[in-house]
Protein backbone atom coordinates (compact mmCIF):
# COMPACT_ATOMS: atom_id res chain seq x y z
CA MET A 1 -92.71 8.82 -27.04
CA ASN A 2 -89.64 6.63 -27.34
CA ALA A 3 -89.96 3.00 -28.32
CA VAL A 4 -90.64 0.61 -25.47
CA ARG A 5 -87.96 -2.09 -25.37
CA SER A 6 -88.94 -4.06 -22.32
CA ALA A 7 -87.58 -7.50 -21.56
CA PRO A 8 -90.10 -10.23 -20.74
CA ALA A 9 -91.60 -9.58 -17.33
CA THR A 10 -91.26 -11.88 -14.35
CA GLY A 11 -93.25 -12.19 -11.17
CA ILE A 12 -96.01 -9.69 -11.97
CA ARG A 13 -98.89 -10.14 -9.56
CA PRO A 14 -100.63 -6.77 -9.18
CA SER A 15 -103.69 -6.96 -6.96
CA ILE A 16 -106.90 -5.00 -7.33
CA ALA A 17 -108.70 -6.88 -4.59
CA GLY A 18 -110.52 -4.65 -2.21
CA ARG A 19 -110.31 -1.64 -4.50
CA ALA A 20 -113.14 -0.05 -6.43
CA ALA A 21 -113.28 -1.50 -9.92
CA ALA A 22 -112.87 1.94 -11.46
CA VAL A 23 -111.75 1.95 -15.09
CA SER A 24 -109.59 4.27 -17.19
CA VAL A 25 -110.68 3.98 -20.82
CA VAL A 26 -108.20 4.79 -23.58
CA VAL A 27 -109.48 5.29 -27.14
CA PRO A 28 -106.79 5.81 -29.78
CA HIS A 29 -108.02 8.04 -32.59
CA HIS A 30 -106.95 8.97 -36.10
CA GLY A 31 -108.99 10.29 -39.00
CA ASP A 32 -112.76 10.70 -39.05
CA PRO A 33 -113.90 11.95 -35.62
CA ALA A 34 -117.45 10.57 -35.96
CA PRO A 35 -116.80 6.97 -34.79
CA THR A 36 -114.74 8.14 -31.81
CA ARG A 37 -117.36 10.70 -30.80
CA ALA A 38 -120.04 8.01 -31.03
CA LEU A 39 -118.01 5.66 -28.85
CA ILE A 40 -117.42 8.35 -26.21
CA ALA A 41 -121.15 9.09 -26.18
CA ALA A 42 -121.88 5.38 -25.70
CA LEU A 43 -119.36 5.20 -22.85
CA ARG A 44 -120.92 8.22 -21.11
CA ALA A 45 -124.34 6.56 -21.42
CA GLN A 46 -123.27 3.29 -19.76
CA THR A 47 -125.62 1.89 -17.15
CA ALA A 48 -124.45 0.40 -13.82
CA ALA A 49 -120.86 1.12 -14.85
CA PRO A 50 -118.05 1.68 -12.34
CA PRO A 51 -116.40 5.12 -12.24
CA LEU A 52 -114.91 5.83 -15.66
CA GLN A 53 -112.05 8.06 -16.76
CA LEU A 54 -112.32 8.62 -20.52
CA ILE A 55 -109.18 9.46 -22.51
CA VAL A 56 -109.04 10.05 -26.26
CA VAL A 57 -105.57 10.05 -27.81
CA ASP A 58 -105.44 11.90 -31.12
CA ASP A 59 -102.54 10.25 -32.94
CA ALA A 60 -101.58 13.32 -35.00
CA SER A 61 -104.73 13.35 -37.12
CA PRO A 62 -104.67 15.78 -40.04
CA GLU A 63 -107.84 17.24 -38.52
CA PRO A 64 -107.33 17.59 -34.75
CA PHE A 65 -109.94 15.77 -32.69
CA PRO A 66 -112.24 18.37 -31.11
CA PRO A 67 -112.87 18.73 -27.38
CA VAL A 68 -115.64 16.43 -26.21
CA GLU A 69 -117.62 16.65 -22.99
CA GLY A 70 -116.75 14.04 -20.38
CA ALA A 71 -113.39 13.02 -21.84
CA SER A 72 -109.80 14.22 -21.82
CA VAL A 73 -108.31 14.69 -25.28
CA VAL A 74 -104.56 14.32 -25.72
CA ARG A 75 -102.93 15.11 -29.06
CA ARG A 76 -99.70 13.46 -30.16
CA GLU A 77 -97.44 15.49 -32.43
CA VAL A 78 -96.18 12.40 -34.31
CA ASN A 79 -98.28 9.53 -35.63
CA GLY A 80 -96.80 6.53 -33.82
CA GLY A 81 -99.48 3.91 -34.42
CA PHE A 82 -101.82 2.04 -32.13
CA GLY A 83 -99.40 1.01 -29.39
CA ALA A 84 -97.80 4.43 -29.07
CA ALA A 85 -101.21 6.09 -28.84
CA VAL A 86 -102.37 3.70 -26.12
CA ASN A 87 -99.15 4.25 -24.16
CA THR A 88 -99.74 8.00 -24.27
CA GLY A 89 -103.24 7.58 -22.86
CA ALA A 90 -102.26 4.94 -20.30
CA ALA A 91 -99.71 7.33 -18.82
CA LEU A 92 -102.69 9.43 -17.65
CA ALA A 93 -104.71 6.50 -16.26
CA GLU A 94 -105.83 7.00 -12.67
CA HIS A 95 -107.76 3.80 -12.05
CA PRO A 96 -106.69 0.18 -11.35
CA LEU A 97 -108.22 -1.17 -14.56
CA LEU A 98 -107.26 0.00 -18.04
CA LEU A 99 -109.76 -0.53 -20.86
CA VAL A 100 -108.33 -0.12 -24.38
CA LEU A 101 -110.98 0.27 -27.07
CA ASN A 102 -110.79 0.69 -30.83
CA SER A 103 -112.87 3.60 -32.02
CA ASP A 104 -114.79 1.37 -34.46
CA LEU A 105 -116.68 -0.52 -31.76
CA ASP A 106 -120.42 -0.54 -31.18
CA ILE A 107 -120.98 -1.21 -27.47
CA GLY A 108 -124.16 -1.96 -25.56
CA LEU A 109 -125.47 0.09 -22.66
CA SER A 110 -124.07 -2.30 -20.03
CA PHE A 111 -120.88 -3.27 -21.86
CA VAL A 112 -118.40 -1.91 -19.33
CA ALA A 113 -120.29 -3.24 -16.31
CA ASP A 114 -120.67 -6.66 -17.95
CA LEU A 115 -117.00 -6.81 -18.92
CA VAL A 116 -115.71 -5.81 -15.49
CA ARG A 117 -118.07 -8.24 -13.77
CA ALA A 118 -117.08 -11.14 -16.02
CA ALA A 119 -113.37 -10.35 -15.65
CA GLU A 120 -113.37 -9.96 -11.85
CA PRO A 121 -112.91 -13.67 -10.94
CA TRP A 122 -109.88 -13.88 -13.24
CA GLN A 123 -107.95 -10.84 -12.09
CA PRO A 124 -105.16 -10.08 -12.55
CA ALA A 125 -105.55 -10.96 -16.23
CA VAL A 126 -105.96 -9.44 -19.66
CA CYS A 127 -109.58 -9.97 -20.61
CA GLY A 128 -111.25 -9.60 -23.98
CA PRO A 129 -114.88 -9.98 -25.06
CA LEU A 130 -116.38 -11.86 -27.97
CA LEU A 131 -115.89 -9.69 -31.06
CA VAL A 132 -118.38 -10.00 -33.88
CA GLY A 133 -118.60 -8.11 -37.14
CA PHE A 134 -121.54 -5.94 -38.02
CA ASP A 135 -122.76 -8.99 -39.92
CA GLY A 136 -122.87 -10.91 -36.63
CA VAL A 137 -120.05 -13.30 -37.59
CA THR A 138 -117.45 -14.02 -34.92
CA GLN A 139 -113.96 -12.55 -35.42
CA TRP A 140 -112.35 -15.27 -33.28
CA SER A 141 -110.98 -12.91 -30.67
CA GLY A 142 -109.29 -15.71 -28.72
CA ARG A 143 -106.09 -16.76 -30.47
CA ARG A 144 -103.09 -19.08 -30.20
CA TRP A 145 -99.50 -17.84 -30.14
CA PRO A 146 -98.41 -17.09 -33.73
CA ARG A 147 -96.48 -19.79 -35.55
CA THR A 148 -94.83 -19.83 -38.97
CA ARG A 149 -97.36 -22.38 -40.21
CA HIS A 150 -100.25 -20.02 -39.35
CA HIS A 151 -98.78 -17.25 -41.49
CA VAL A 152 -98.00 -19.56 -44.40
CA VAL A 153 -101.53 -20.96 -44.52
CA GLU A 154 -102.88 -17.42 -44.51
CA TRP A 155 -100.45 -16.35 -47.25
CA LEU A 156 -101.25 -19.15 -49.71
CA THR A 157 -103.73 -17.97 -52.36
CA PRO A 158 -104.82 -21.54 -53.28
CA LEU A 159 -106.21 -21.89 -49.74
CA ALA A 160 -108.15 -18.60 -49.81
CA ARG A 161 -111.50 -20.21 -50.59
CA PHE A 162 -111.02 -22.68 -47.71
CA ARG A 163 -109.71 -20.17 -45.18
CA PRO A 164 -113.10 -19.61 -43.47
CA ARG A 165 -112.94 -23.30 -42.46
CA LEU A 166 -109.25 -23.33 -41.51
CA HIS A 167 -109.54 -21.49 -38.21
CA GLU A 168 -107.05 -23.53 -36.18
CA ALA A 169 -104.65 -23.55 -39.13
CA VAL A 170 -104.37 -19.75 -38.98
CA GLY A 171 -104.21 -19.54 -35.18
CA HIS A 172 -107.82 -19.07 -34.17
CA ASP A 173 -108.74 -20.78 -30.91
CA THR A 174 -111.96 -22.53 -31.89
CA ARG A 175 -112.93 -23.10 -28.27
CA CYS A 176 -113.75 -19.37 -28.14
CA VAL A 177 -117.41 -19.55 -29.03
CA PRO A 178 -120.29 -17.45 -27.67
CA GLY A 179 -120.84 -18.18 -23.99
CA ALA A 180 -117.42 -19.74 -23.40
CA VAL A 181 -115.09 -18.28 -20.76
CA LEU A 182 -111.57 -19.68 -20.74
CA PRO A 183 -107.86 -18.83 -20.57
CA VAL A 184 -106.25 -18.41 -23.99
CA ASP A 185 -102.83 -17.49 -25.34
CA TRP A 186 -103.95 -13.98 -26.32
CA VAL A 187 -107.02 -11.93 -27.16
CA VAL A 188 -107.45 -9.50 -30.02
CA GLY A 189 -106.60 -5.92 -29.06
CA ALA A 190 -109.77 -4.19 -30.28
CA ALA A 191 -111.10 -4.37 -26.69
CA LEU A 192 -108.74 -5.19 -23.82
CA LEU A 193 -109.28 -4.92 -20.08
CA ILE A 194 -105.85 -4.87 -18.41
CA PRO A 195 -104.67 -4.30 -14.83
CA THR A 196 -103.09 -0.86 -15.04
CA ALA A 197 -100.22 -1.76 -12.72
CA ALA A 198 -99.29 -4.82 -14.78
CA PHE A 199 -99.39 -2.79 -17.99
CA ARG A 200 -96.96 -0.30 -16.49
CA VAL A 201 -94.64 -2.93 -15.03
CA VAL A 202 -93.91 -4.38 -18.48
CA GLY A 203 -93.59 -0.95 -20.07
CA GLY A 204 -96.84 -0.96 -22.03
CA PHE A 205 -96.92 -1.65 -25.76
CA ASP A 206 -93.66 -2.00 -27.65
CA GLU A 207 -93.88 1.02 -29.94
CA ARG A 208 -91.60 -0.53 -32.55
CA TYR A 209 -94.72 -2.29 -33.85
CA PHE A 210 -96.52 0.38 -35.83
CA MET A 211 -99.52 -1.73 -36.71
CA ASN A 212 -100.40 -5.32 -35.80
CA VAL A 213 -98.89 -7.85 -33.36
CA GLU A 214 -98.38 -5.24 -30.62
CA GLU A 215 -101.10 -6.82 -28.49
CA VAL A 216 -99.62 -10.30 -28.98
CA ASP A 217 -96.21 -9.09 -27.80
CA LEU A 218 -97.73 -7.30 -24.80
CA GLN A 219 -99.70 -10.35 -23.69
CA ARG A 220 -96.71 -12.62 -24.11
CA ARG A 221 -94.69 -10.41 -21.77
CA LEU A 222 -97.57 -10.26 -19.29
CA THR A 223 -98.08 -14.03 -19.46
CA ALA A 224 -94.38 -14.55 -18.73
CA GLY A 225 -94.93 -12.62 -15.53
CA GLY A 226 -98.03 -14.54 -14.44
CA VAL A 227 -100.74 -12.29 -15.88
CA GLY A 228 -102.46 -14.43 -18.49
CA SER A 229 -105.24 -13.73 -20.97
CA VAL A 230 -108.89 -14.74 -20.76
CA PHE A 231 -111.59 -14.87 -23.43
CA LEU A 232 -114.97 -13.71 -22.11
CA GLY A 233 -117.55 -15.09 -24.52
CA THR A 234 -120.40 -13.96 -22.31
CA VAL A 235 -119.73 -10.33 -23.24
CA VAL A 236 -120.27 -9.33 -26.87
CA VAL A 237 -119.20 -6.22 -28.77
CA ARG A 238 -119.57 -5.38 -32.43
CA HIS A 239 -116.37 -4.48 -34.23
CA GLU A 240 -116.21 -3.02 -37.72
CA GLY A 241 -112.51 -3.79 -38.23
CA GLY A 242 -110.38 -2.98 -41.24
CA GLY A 243 -109.11 0.51 -41.99
CA SER A 244 -108.57 3.07 -44.69
CA SER A 245 -104.88 2.48 -45.39
CA GLU A 246 -103.77 1.28 -48.82
CA ALA A 247 -103.71 -2.53 -49.02
CA GLY A 248 -100.08 -2.95 -50.05
CA ARG A 249 -98.77 -0.81 -47.21
CA ARG A 250 -101.10 -2.47 -44.73
CA VAL A 251 -99.86 -5.94 -45.72
CA ARG A 252 -96.25 -4.81 -45.39
CA TRP A 253 -96.95 -3.45 -41.90
CA VAL A 254 -98.45 -6.80 -40.93
CA VAL A 255 -95.64 -8.92 -42.36
CA GLN A 256 -92.86 -6.74 -40.96
CA ALA A 257 -94.52 -6.76 -37.53
CA ARG A 258 -94.70 -10.55 -37.61
CA LEU A 259 -91.04 -10.77 -38.59
CA ARG A 260 -90.12 -8.36 -35.78
CA TYR A 261 -92.10 -10.48 -33.32
CA ALA A 262 -90.36 -13.65 -34.51
CA ALA A 263 -86.96 -12.00 -34.10
CA LYS A 264 -87.76 -10.60 -30.66
CA TRP A 265 -88.98 -13.93 -29.35
CA ARG A 266 -86.28 -15.97 -31.13
CA GLU A 267 -88.72 -17.83 -33.35
CA ARG A 268 -86.61 -18.05 -36.50
CA PRO A 269 -87.60 -14.99 -38.55
CA ALA A 270 -85.36 -16.20 -41.41
CA LEU A 271 -87.47 -19.37 -41.64
CA LEU A 272 -90.67 -17.29 -41.69
CA ARG A 273 -89.32 -15.07 -44.46
CA PHE A 274 -88.17 -18.10 -46.49
CA ALA A 275 -91.51 -19.89 -46.01
CA LEU A 276 -93.45 -16.85 -47.18
CA ARG A 277 -91.24 -16.55 -50.27
CA VAL A 278 -91.88 -20.19 -51.12
CA ALA A 279 -95.60 -19.61 -50.61
CA SER A 280 -95.41 -16.58 -52.92
CA THR A 281 -93.84 -18.78 -55.60
CA VAL A 282 -96.76 -21.17 -55.22
CA ASN A 283 -99.12 -18.20 -55.51
CA LEU A 284 -97.37 -17.09 -58.72
CA ALA A 285 -97.91 -20.49 -60.35
CA PHE A 286 -101.49 -20.68 -59.12
CA ASN A 287 -102.33 -17.17 -60.35
CA ALA A 288 -100.71 -17.89 -63.73
CA GLY A 289 -103.09 -20.83 -64.09
CA ARG A 290 -106.03 -18.64 -63.15
CA ARG A 291 -104.93 -16.07 -65.74
CA MET A 292 -104.86 -18.77 -68.43
CA LEU A 293 -108.44 -19.64 -67.48
CA GLY A 294 -109.48 -16.04 -68.06
CA ARG A 295 -109.50 -14.76 -64.50
CA ASP A 296 -108.77 -11.06 -64.00
CA VAL A 297 -105.48 -11.43 -62.11
CA GLU A 298 -101.97 -10.08 -62.57
CA PRO A 299 -99.63 -12.88 -61.46
CA LEU A 300 -96.31 -11.05 -61.78
CA ARG A 301 -97.56 -7.83 -60.21
CA THR A 302 -99.03 -9.74 -57.28
CA PHE A 303 -95.81 -11.76 -56.91
CA ARG A 304 -93.68 -8.60 -56.80
CA ARG A 305 -96.01 -7.00 -54.28
CA GLU A 306 -95.79 -10.03 -52.02
CA LEU A 307 -91.99 -10.12 -52.22
CA ALA A 308 -91.86 -6.39 -51.44
CA ALA A 309 -93.89 -7.00 -48.29
CA ILE A 310 -91.53 -9.79 -47.19
CA ARG A 311 -88.29 -8.01 -48.09
CA PRO A 312 -86.29 -6.75 -45.07
CA GLY A 313 -85.51 -3.06 -44.72
CA GLY A 314 -87.26 -0.14 -46.37
CA PRO A 315 -90.31 1.69 -45.06
CA SER A 316 -92.37 -0.19 -42.49
CA THR A 317 -94.06 2.52 -40.46
CA GLY A 318 -96.68 5.10 -41.23
CA SER A 319 -94.37 8.01 -40.47
CA GLU A 320 -91.81 6.65 -42.95
CA THR A 321 -94.28 5.98 -45.75
CA GLY A 322 -96.49 8.99 -45.25
CA GLU A 323 -99.41 6.70 -44.42
CA THR A 324 -101.05 7.77 -41.17
CA SER A 325 -104.15 5.67 -40.67
CA ALA A 326 -102.92 2.74 -38.61
CA THR A 327 -104.53 4.07 -35.46
CA ALA A 328 -107.83 4.45 -37.26
CA ALA A 329 -107.55 0.86 -38.40
CA GLY A 330 -106.75 -0.08 -34.83
CA THR A 331 -105.51 -3.53 -34.12
CA GLY A 332 -106.78 -7.07 -34.36
CA GLU A 333 -104.33 -9.15 -36.32
CA THR A 334 -105.15 -7.93 -39.81
CA SER A 335 -104.93 -10.61 -42.48
CA ALA A 336 -101.64 -10.43 -44.33
CA ALA A 337 -103.32 -12.23 -47.20
CA ALA A 338 -105.59 -9.26 -47.84
CA ALA A 339 -103.60 -8.07 -50.81
CA THR A 340 -102.55 -11.42 -52.25
CA GLY A 341 -105.74 -12.10 -54.14
CA GLY A 342 -107.93 -15.17 -54.04
CA PRO A 343 -109.80 -17.63 -56.21
């Protein structure tokens, strides 16, 4: 599919009132078929669920995803990443609600029914549940619009040990606790319930984002047209998160996506790039001190890797680098600090 280059939407008010709350479910897939097969089985076993159309999009996996009972399987010839895979599946959606799910989710028997019921008073809106890890810890699925300061705090190695307590400083909306239901700037894309008509009006995901930030960009365009985002803390789903891609490439995908977002929305990408370089210099000095204290770190190697992730140009997509696991990793605002080390 060609890249989606939609301008911010205006005046989007699709209505699903009076229509059956049927749902088209799109599951992007790449890599190991076992998690996707398990999710499809869980979707087919849902209790009290509305009519479901299940669509698996195989994003050019090395091993083609096999046919599975109860779901349509669509294979892409080129690995385009999460957004491109979802767009391919959404083109086949027949129902007024579109449910986008990462394949690494563990859903309960009434998940779909609970999500649709909780979302109904807010429609039209993008709705996301409370995401927790398999350890039960919240993943802060309600977020604030990205700002340069969020990325810098996340990038600074000296703050790594404090990061679990710096939620607002990295853009987490700390109002989004279990049981809370409230409008937010955006919700993490691992599980999104979206009015199908609104999704199509704005042109779906911008496929220029290979991995990360694509759901932020989509929700910003939808919000501009009057379709906001809502965190549904009364509905819980377990999310494994992460992915199998090499850390350096994954961090570059994240950083380049954030820079693309800043450029698209005129939020001073040059300032973001400069701020990250300054933060990397701080990291170099900090890591040199750690090395002198006997810590097993490589300050110069880490510094070069960080600068390579920030540098404009060069490979930034899976198809260009040969890395093809972004769809398996899914989405969810991966930490760009993952490869920068920590105390």
